[in-house]
Amino acid sequence: MRVLLVSSGSGSRGGGEIFLDYLGKELADRGHDVLMWIPNHPRMDELARKCARFAQIFRAKYRNTYDYPARSLSTCFNWRASRRIAREWKALQPDVVHINKQNLEDGLDLMRAIRLCTLPSVCTIHLTQNARYLRARAGWLRDIIARGQLSSYKGVLVAVQEARRSVLSEFLCGRASTKLIFNGVPRVNDAVSRPLRDAKRSELGLSDSDCLVLGVGRLVEQKRPFLFLRTAKELHERLPATKFLWVGDGELAEEWQRAITREKLENVIRCAGWQIDVLPYLLASDLLLHVAEFEGLPLAVIEAMAAGLTCAVTKNLSSEVPLFNKGNVLFADDIGDLAEQLRNPLALARIAEGGRRLVEDTLSVSKMAESYEQLYLDARRGFSDFVFR
């Protein structure tokens, strides 16, 4: 099958872009002809380079929703761009187009383009919280615009976990077809785990007695890095051998570093910046601490689970992602209890094993690709039925 994966162009380093990398690579490994349409903005260069190892890359002129001061309101008027993009996609002759969107209002002009080029398609939306929930300016208006565009889409809108699918269906008042397909991540080769762990811990200057707690994500408000910092400070007071490392960068990087200096935690908390390969850091750590305010299905957590790393999340996240429960995660809300768990290697190992089983049973990249393969076939079949009706 000739599959065109479309990026909305919001960046190269978010979960949505990692999703495209994982899915595209697995589809190519399964024998599909993978094409990727990626906006030519410089921030997308990294994703294009990464995905060139398995896909034909097509760079195109396109302005992401969040590059417009008026956000989604601007997409109501750029019909010319949608028509041009529709011609570009049609010229590539894909069997199916798969649009990847970060949230409800992202890439609405791309949704119009797929209607104009009349090709079988599916669309994945990672965050289905509405603009008002996200405290966006003029959220009510932006929600009206998003609802109108998405409700007129004739393909299937995919959410990455059940709560997000339920919210999406409710937002659209049942006027569009929605489906759940869990995000998935690759398996981790156990044979390389120990050498990678030892090498990275040595590079980080960690002793065998040090407990390394990891944070992974962009340094932005959504990921709540300052809550991570406060939690780290309290944990370190209870467990002095605990060290903390954040992997990622973002707009709050300088402010976050100043907060570390102000709290005199320079010897306790470090930032490794953005890393293309996060696996060595996952393997070197003893706990992933994930305290984001909201998520779709956080790839950082399931990547950590695949690596055999114990994860601690907030109870709020586990309420949105019922897959995360006391059998496969710890909870970060009670610092005293979390500190006690960190003193118990057997408990940590039990939780880590529960997380690994969850990935193998439900959240593997192979299961994700298999589900999308079936959805692509259904989209083509449904499109043919519509055309020849």
Protein backbone atom coordinates (compact mmCIF):
# COMPACT_ATOMS: atom_id res chain seq x y z
CA MET A 1 0.00 0.00 0.00
CA ARG A 2 1.23 3.51 -0.82
CA VAL A 3 0.69 5.54 2.37
CA LEU A 4 1.12 9.30 2.55
CA LEU A 5 1.79 10.45 6.13
CA VAL A 6 1.15 14.17 6.59
CA SER A 7 2.68 16.30 9.36
CA SER A 8 0.87 19.47 10.39
CA GLY A 9 4.28 21.05 10.96
CA SER A 10 4.11 22.06 14.61
CA GLY A 11 7.67 20.85 15.32
CA SER A 12 10.08 17.92 15.14
CA ARG A 13 10.31 16.98 18.80
CA GLY A 14 6.82 16.48 20.18
CA GLY A 15 4.97 13.25 20.78
CA GLY A 16 3.05 13.62 17.54
CA GLU A 17 6.26 13.69 15.51
CA ILE A 18 7.70 10.71 17.42
CA PHE A 19 4.44 8.93 16.60
CA LEU A 20 4.97 9.59 12.87
CA ASP A 21 8.53 8.28 13.07
CA TYR A 22 7.50 5.07 14.85
CA LEU A 23 4.46 4.42 12.66
CA GLY A 24 6.20 5.19 9.38
CA LYS A 25 9.18 2.97 10.19
CA GLU A 26 6.93 0.06 11.17
CA LEU A 27 4.76 0.44 8.06
CA ALA A 28 7.88 0.44 5.88
CA ASP A 29 9.18 -2.67 7.67
CA ARG A 30 5.85 -4.33 6.91
CA GLY A 31 6.35 -3.75 3.19
CA HIS A 32 4.36 -0.57 2.57
CA ASP A 33 5.55 2.30 0.38
CA VAL A 34 5.72 5.20 2.83
CA LEU A 35 5.71 8.82 1.73
CA MET A 36 5.90 11.76 4.14
CA TRP A 37 4.65 15.28 3.40
CA ILE A 38 6.45 17.67 5.75
CA PRO A 39 6.25 21.49 5.77
CA ASN A 40 9.48 23.19 4.71
CA HIS A 41 9.82 25.25 7.90
CA PRO A 42 13.35 24.81 9.38
CA ARG A 43 11.92 23.39 12.64
CA MET A 44 10.77 20.36 10.60
CA ASP A 45 14.27 19.59 9.23
CA GLU A 46 15.08 17.22 12.06
CA LEU A 47 11.95 15.12 11.51
CA ALA A 48 12.60 15.04 7.76
CA ARG A 49 16.17 13.81 8.26
CA LYS A 50 15.08 11.18 10.73
CA CYS A 51 12.27 9.80 8.56
CA ALA A 52 14.33 9.79 5.34
CA ARG A 53 15.77 6.42 6.40
CA PHE A 54 12.46 4.69 5.60
CA ALA A 55 10.26 7.12 3.63
CA GLN A 56 10.24 9.33 0.55
CA ILE A 57 10.21 12.87 1.93
CA PHE A 58 8.29 15.68 0.26
CA ARG A 59 8.87 19.16 1.67
CA ALA A 60 6.18 21.72 0.92
CA LYS A 61 5.25 25.32 1.58
CA TYR A 62 2.83 25.33 4.49
CA ARG A 63 2.23 27.59 7.49
CA ASN A 64 1.20 25.83 10.69
CA THR A 65 -1.88 27.06 12.55
CA TYR A 66 0.21 28.38 15.45
CA ASP A 67 2.36 30.50 13.13
CA TYR A 68 -0.71 32.66 12.45
CA PRO A 69 -1.41 35.35 15.08
CA ALA A 70 -5.14 34.64 14.67
CA ARG A 71 -4.58 30.88 14.98
CA SER A 72 -7.43 28.79 13.52
CA LEU A 73 -9.41 31.87 12.49
CA SER A 74 -6.85 32.36 9.71
CA THR A 75 -7.51 28.87 8.34
CA CYS A 76 -11.07 29.92 7.49
CA PHE A 77 -9.74 32.10 4.69
CA ASN A 78 -6.71 30.30 3.20
CA TRP A 79 -8.60 28.26 0.61
CA ARG A 80 -5.85 28.91 -1.92
CA ALA A 81 -3.35 27.04 0.26
CA SER A 82 -5.76 24.13 0.73
CA ARG A 83 -6.32 23.86 -3.04
CA ARG A 84 -2.59 23.86 -3.72
CA ILE A 85 -1.95 21.20 -1.07
CA ALA A 86 -4.79 19.07 -2.46
CA ARG A 87 -3.12 19.13 -5.89
CA GLU A 88 0.23 18.18 -4.36
CA TRP A 89 -1.22 15.21 -2.51
CA LYS A 90 -3.18 14.00 -5.51
CA ALA A 91 -0.05 14.15 -7.69
CA LEU A 92 1.70 11.74 -5.31
CA GLN A 93 -0.98 9.12 -6.05
CA PRO A 94 -1.22 7.59 -2.57
CA ASP A 95 -3.65 4.80 -1.76
CA VAL A 96 -4.46 6.57 1.50
CA VAL A 97 -3.58 9.86 3.19
CA HIS A 98 -2.97 9.89 6.95
CA ILE A 99 -3.06 13.38 8.52
CA ASN A 100 -1.39 13.78 11.90
CA LYS A 101 -2.71 16.65 14.08
CA GLN A 102 -1.64 17.79 17.53
CA ASN A 103 -5.03 19.08 18.69
CA LEU A 104 -8.53 19.97 17.51
CA GLU A 105 -7.74 23.29 15.81
CA ASP A 106 -4.34 22.34 14.41
CA GLY A 107 -4.21 21.81 10.64
CA LEU A 108 -7.84 22.56 9.81
CA ASP A 109 -6.75 23.79 6.37
CA LEU A 110 -5.21 20.35 5.83
CA MET A 111 -8.58 18.79 6.63
CA ARG A 112 -10.10 21.02 3.94
CA ALA A 113 -7.35 19.95 1.52
CA ILE A 114 -8.16 16.27 1.94
CA ARG A 115 -11.82 16.98 1.16
CA LEU A 116 -10.76 18.86 -1.98
CA CYS A 117 -8.42 16.16 -3.32
CA THR A 118 -10.97 13.34 -2.78
CA LEU A 119 -8.60 10.61 -1.62
CA PRO A 120 -9.20 7.94 1.04
CA SER A 121 -7.93 9.27 4.34
CA VAL A 122 -7.72 8.97 8.12
CA CYS A 123 -6.71 11.58 10.68
CA THR A 124 -5.07 11.14 14.10
CA ILE A 125 -5.63 13.81 16.78
CA HIS A 126 -3.41 13.43 19.83
CA LEU A 127 -4.96 16.03 22.15
CA THR A 128 -8.74 16.34 21.99
CA GLN A 129 -9.22 18.85 24.81
CA ASN A 130 -11.02 21.90 23.45
CA ALA A 131 -9.60 25.43 23.30
CA ARG A 132 -11.56 26.56 26.34
CA TYR A 133 -10.12 23.69 28.39
CA LEU A 134 -6.65 24.75 27.24
CA ARG A 135 -7.42 28.31 28.39
CA ALA A 136 -6.82 29.67 24.89
CA ARG A 137 -7.79 33.22 24.01
CA ALA A 138 -11.19 33.39 22.27
CA GLY A 139 -11.52 29.70 23.02
CA TRP A 140 -15.25 29.64 22.35
CA LEU A 141 -14.74 30.97 18.81
CA ARG A 142 -11.82 28.65 18.09
CA ASP A 143 -13.92 25.70 19.24
CA ILE A 144 -16.74 26.69 16.88
CA ILE A 145 -14.29 26.83 13.96
CA ALA A 146 -12.71 23.48 14.83
CA ARG A 147 -16.08 21.79 15.33
CA GLY A 148 -17.33 23.00 11.97
CA GLN A 149 -14.29 21.79 10.03
CA LEU A 150 -13.96 18.43 11.79
CA SER A 151 -17.69 17.68 11.60
CA SER A 152 -17.56 17.94 7.81
CA TYR A 153 -14.73 15.41 7.54
CA LYS A 154 -15.91 12.16 5.92
CA GLY A 155 -13.06 9.94 7.07
CA VAL A 156 -12.29 8.47 10.50
CA LEU A 157 -10.86 10.64 13.27
CA VAL A 158 -8.53 8.60 15.47
CA ALA A 159 -7.86 9.32 19.14
CA VAL A 160 -4.96 7.73 20.97
CA GLN A 161 -6.76 6.59 24.14
CA GLU A 162 -10.35 6.08 25.24
CA ALA A 163 -10.87 9.27 27.27
CA ARG A 164 -9.58 11.33 24.34
CA ARG A 165 -11.90 9.47 21.91
CA SER A 166 -14.89 10.00 24.19
CA VAL A 167 -14.15 13.73 24.49
CA LEU A 168 -13.69 13.99 20.72
CA SER A 169 -17.01 12.31 19.99
CA GLU A 170 -18.76 14.55 22.52
CA PHE A 171 -17.12 17.68 21.09
CA LEU A 172 -18.39 16.79 17.61
CA CYS A 173 -21.85 15.84 18.92
CA GLY A 174 -21.56 12.49 17.15
CA ARG A 175 -21.42 14.14 13.72
CA ALA A 176 -18.15 12.46 12.67
CA SER A 177 -16.77 8.92 12.89
CA THR A 178 -14.24 8.40 15.69
CA LYS A 179 -12.04 5.46 16.58
CA LEU A 180 -9.50 4.52 19.24
CA ILE A 181 -6.02 3.30 18.28
CA PHE A 182 -3.45 3.29 21.07
CA ASN A 183 -0.02 4.78 20.45
CA GLY A 184 2.71 2.16 20.33
CA VAL A 185 6.47 2.02 20.83
CA PRO A 186 9.22 -0.40 19.69
CA ARG A 187 10.50 -3.22 21.84
CA VAL A 188 13.79 -2.72 23.64
CA ASN A 189 16.52 -5.28 23.04
CA ASP A 190 17.35 -6.71 26.47
CA ALA A 191 20.81 -7.73 25.27
CA VAL A 192 21.91 -4.10 24.96
CA SER A 193 20.13 -2.74 28.02
CA ARG A 194 22.79 -3.42 30.65
CA PRO A 195 25.79 -2.14 28.65
CA LEU A 196 23.89 1.03 27.70
CA ARG A 197 22.83 1.58 31.32
CA ASP A 198 26.33 1.15 32.66
CA ALA A 199 27.86 3.42 30.00
CA LYS A 200 25.37 6.23 30.50
CA ARG A 201 25.53 6.11 34.31
CA SER A 202 29.31 6.27 34.11
CA GLU A 203 29.06 9.24 31.73
CA LEU A 204 26.70 10.99 34.16
CA GLY A 205 29.03 10.34 37.09
CA LEU A 206 26.55 8.18 39.01
CA SER A 207 27.59 5.62 41.60
CA ASP A 208 25.80 2.32 42.18
CA SER A 209 24.11 3.79 45.24
CA ASP A 210 22.70 6.81 43.39
CA CYS A 211 19.01 6.71 42.46
CA LEU A 212 18.39 8.62 39.21
CA VAL A 213 14.92 10.10 38.64
CA LEU A 214 14.26 11.19 35.07
CA GLY A 215 11.91 13.73 33.49
CA VAL A 216 11.38 13.69 29.71
CA GLY A 217 9.59 16.31 27.66
CA ARG A 218 9.60 19.84 26.36
CA LEU A 219 10.22 22.54 28.95
CA VAL A 220 6.79 24.12 28.48
CA GLU A 221 3.87 24.83 30.82
CA GLN A 222 1.95 21.69 29.80
CA LYS A 223 4.74 19.43 31.09
CA ARG A 224 4.90 21.32 34.45
CA PRO A 225 8.69 21.30 34.88
CA PHE A 226 8.41 23.48 38.00
CA LEU A 227 6.23 20.83 39.66
CA PHE A 228 8.93 18.33 38.73
CA LEU A 229 11.45 20.62 40.42
CA ARG A 230 9.38 20.93 43.62
CA THR A 231 8.82 17.18 43.73
CA ALA A 232 12.52 16.60 43.21
CA LYS A 233 13.41 18.92 46.08
CA GLU A 234 11.05 17.11 48.47
CA LEU A 235 12.20 13.66 47.38
CA HIS A 236 15.84 14.62 47.79
CA GLU A 237 15.17 15.82 51.34
CA ARG A 238 13.83 12.34 52.14
CA LEU A 239 16.31 10.42 50.00
CA PRO A 240 19.66 12.29 49.79
CA ALA A 241 21.12 9.74 47.35
CA THR A 242 18.48 10.67 44.76
CA LYS A 243 19.60 12.66 41.71
CA PHE A 244 17.37 14.19 39.02
CA LEU A 245 17.80 14.73 35.30
CA TRP A 246 15.50 16.36 32.74
CA VAL A 247 15.84 15.44 29.07
CA GLY A 248 14.33 18.08 26.80
CA ASP A 249 14.35 21.78 26.06
CA GLY A 250 11.84 24.53 25.43
CA GLU A 251 10.75 28.08 26.13
CA LEU A 252 11.03 27.70 29.93
CA ALA A 253 14.62 26.41 29.88
CA GLU A 254 16.30 29.58 31.18
CA GLU A 255 13.65 30.28 33.83
CA TRP A 256 13.82 26.66 34.98
CA GLN A 257 17.60 26.79 35.30
CA ARG A 258 17.34 30.01 37.32
CA ALA A 259 14.89 28.29 39.67
CA ILE A 260 17.37 25.43 40.19
CA THR A 261 20.09 27.95 41.04
CA ARG A 262 17.78 29.89 43.35
CA GLU A 263 16.91 26.71 45.25
CA LYS A 264 20.63 25.72 45.39
CA LEU A 265 19.89 22.41 43.67
CA GLU A 266 22.65 22.53 41.02
CA ASN A 267 24.24 19.36 42.41
CA VAL A 268 20.90 17.56 42.54
CA ILE A 269 19.06 18.47 39.32
CA ARG A 270 20.53 18.74 35.84
CA CYS A 271 19.16 19.21 32.33
CA ALA A 272 20.57 17.21 29.42
CA GLY A 273 18.74 19.28 26.80
CA TRP A 274 17.12 17.72 23.76
CA GLN A 275 18.40 14.23 22.89
CA ILE A 276 17.59 12.44 19.64
CA ASP A 277 18.09 9.09 21.36
CA VAL A 278 16.52 9.05 24.82
CA LEU A 279 16.85 5.28 25.36
CA PRO A 280 20.25 5.37 27.13
CA TYR A 281 18.82 7.88 29.63
CA LEU A 282 15.78 5.68 30.25
CA LEU A 283 18.00 2.66 30.84
CA ALA A 284 20.34 4.62 33.14
CA SER A 285 17.47 5.77 35.36
CA ASP A 286 15.62 4.20 38.27
CA LEU A 287 12.34 6.11 37.93
CA LEU A 288 10.55 8.22 35.32
CA LEU A 289 8.66 11.05 37.00
CA HIS A 290 5.95 12.38 34.66
CA VAL A 291 3.82 15.24 35.99
CA ALA A 292 2.35 16.83 32.84
CA GLU A 293 -0.92 18.71 33.28
CA PHE A 294 -2.61 16.91 30.37
CA GLU A 295 -1.65 14.45 27.64
CA GLY A 296 -2.98 12.32 24.83
CA LEU A 297 -1.15 9.05 25.48
CA PRO A 298 2.35 10.10 26.64
CA LEU A 299 5.02 8.39 24.57
CA ALA A 300 7.64 9.24 27.21
CA VAL A 301 5.84 7.00 29.69
CA ILE A 302 5.32 4.05 27.38
CA GLU A 303 8.87 4.31 26.04
CA ALA A 304 10.07 4.12 29.64
CA MET A 305 7.84 1.11 30.28
CA ALA A 306 9.24 -0.63 27.19
CA ALA A 307 12.74 -0.01 28.59
CA GLY A 308 11.78 -1.65 31.90
CA LEU A 309 11.83 1.62 33.83
CA THR A 310 9.40 2.17 36.69
CA CYS A 311 7.12 5.18 36.05
CA ALA A 312 5.42 7.59 38.45
CA VAL A 313 2.51 9.66 37.12
CA THR A 314 -0.14 11.89 38.64
CA LYS A 315 -3.50 10.45 39.66
CA ASN A 316 -5.08 12.95 37.29
CA LEU A 317 -3.27 11.37 34.35
CA SER A 318 -4.17 7.85 35.45
CA SER A 319 -7.83 8.90 35.64
CA GLU A 320 -7.62 10.00 31.99
CA VAL A 321 -5.61 6.94 30.93
CA PRO A 322 -7.15 3.95 32.76
CA LEU A 323 -4.41 1.77 31.27
CA PHE A 324 -2.16 3.32 33.94
CA ASN A 325 -3.03 1.77 37.29
CA LYS A 326 -1.36 0.66 40.52
CA GLY A 327 -0.22 -2.52 38.82
CA ASN A 328 2.03 -0.69 36.35
CA VAL A 329 2.72 2.84 37.72
CA LEU A 330 3.45 4.63 40.96
CA PHE A 331 1.66 7.85 41.85
CA ALA A 332 3.58 11.09 42.24
CA ASP A 333 0.95 12.98 44.26
CA ASP A 334 2.00 11.64 47.69
CA ILE A 335 5.71 12.41 48.08
CA GLY A 336 6.05 10.42 51.30
CA ASP A 337 4.58 7.29 49.76
CA LEU A 338 6.66 7.71 46.60
CA ALA A 339 9.82 7.99 48.71
CA GLU A 340 8.90 4.77 50.52
CA GLN A 341 8.39 2.98 47.22
CA LEU A 342 11.80 4.14 46.04
CA ARG A 343 13.33 2.46 49.08
CA ASN A 344 11.80 -0.87 48.00
CA PRO A 345 13.63 -2.45 45.00
CA LEU A 346 11.16 -5.36 44.85
CA ALA A 347 8.20 -3.00 44.57
CA LEU A 348 9.94 -1.02 41.83
CA ALA A 349 10.72 -4.19 39.91
CA ARG A 350 7.10 -5.36 40.18
CA ILE A 351 5.76 -2.07 38.83
CA ALA A 352 8.35 -2.04 36.03
CA GLU A 353 7.33 -5.56 34.99
CA GLY A 354 3.68 -4.50 34.94
CA GLY A 355 4.58 -1.61 32.66
CA ARG A 356 6.56 -3.83 30.32
CA ARG A 357 3.64 -6.25 30.05
CA LEU A 358 1.28 -3.37 29.25
CA VAL A 359 3.49 -2.32 26.34
CA GLU A 360 3.84 -5.85 25.02
CA ASP A 361 0.13 -6.63 25.30
CA THR A 362 -1.42 -3.31 24.23
CA LEU A 363 1.02 -0.51 23.40
CA SER A 364 3.51 -2.05 20.96
CA VAL A 365 4.34 -0.38 17.65
CA SER A 366 3.39 -3.57 15.81
CA LYS A 367 -0.14 -3.53 17.27
CA MET A 368 -0.46 0.16 16.42
CA ALA A 369 0.64 -0.37 12.81
CA GLU A 370 -1.62 -3.39 12.41
CA SER A 371 -4.62 -1.33 13.55
CA TYR A 372 -3.80 1.48 11.13
CA GLU A 373 -3.32 -1.00 8.28
CA GLN A 374 -6.87 -2.23 8.82
CA LEU A 375 -8.15 1.32 9.06
CA TYR A 376 -6.44 2.21 5.77
CA LEU A 377 -8.10 -0.78 4.08
CA ASP A 378 -11.46 0.23 5.52
CA ALA A 379 -10.93 3.83 4.32
CA ARG A 380 -10.14 2.66 0.79
CA ARG A 381 -13.11 0.29 0.77
CA GLY A 382 -15.47 2.96 2.08
CA PHE A 383 -14.15 5.48 -0.45
CA SER A 384 -14.67 3.06 -3.33
CA ASP A 385 -18.21 2.33 -2.19
CA PHE A 386 -18.92 6.07 -2.05
CA VAL A 387 -17.42 6.76 -5.51
CA PHE A 388 -19.26 3.93 -7.28
CA ARG A 389 -22.53 4.23 -5.39
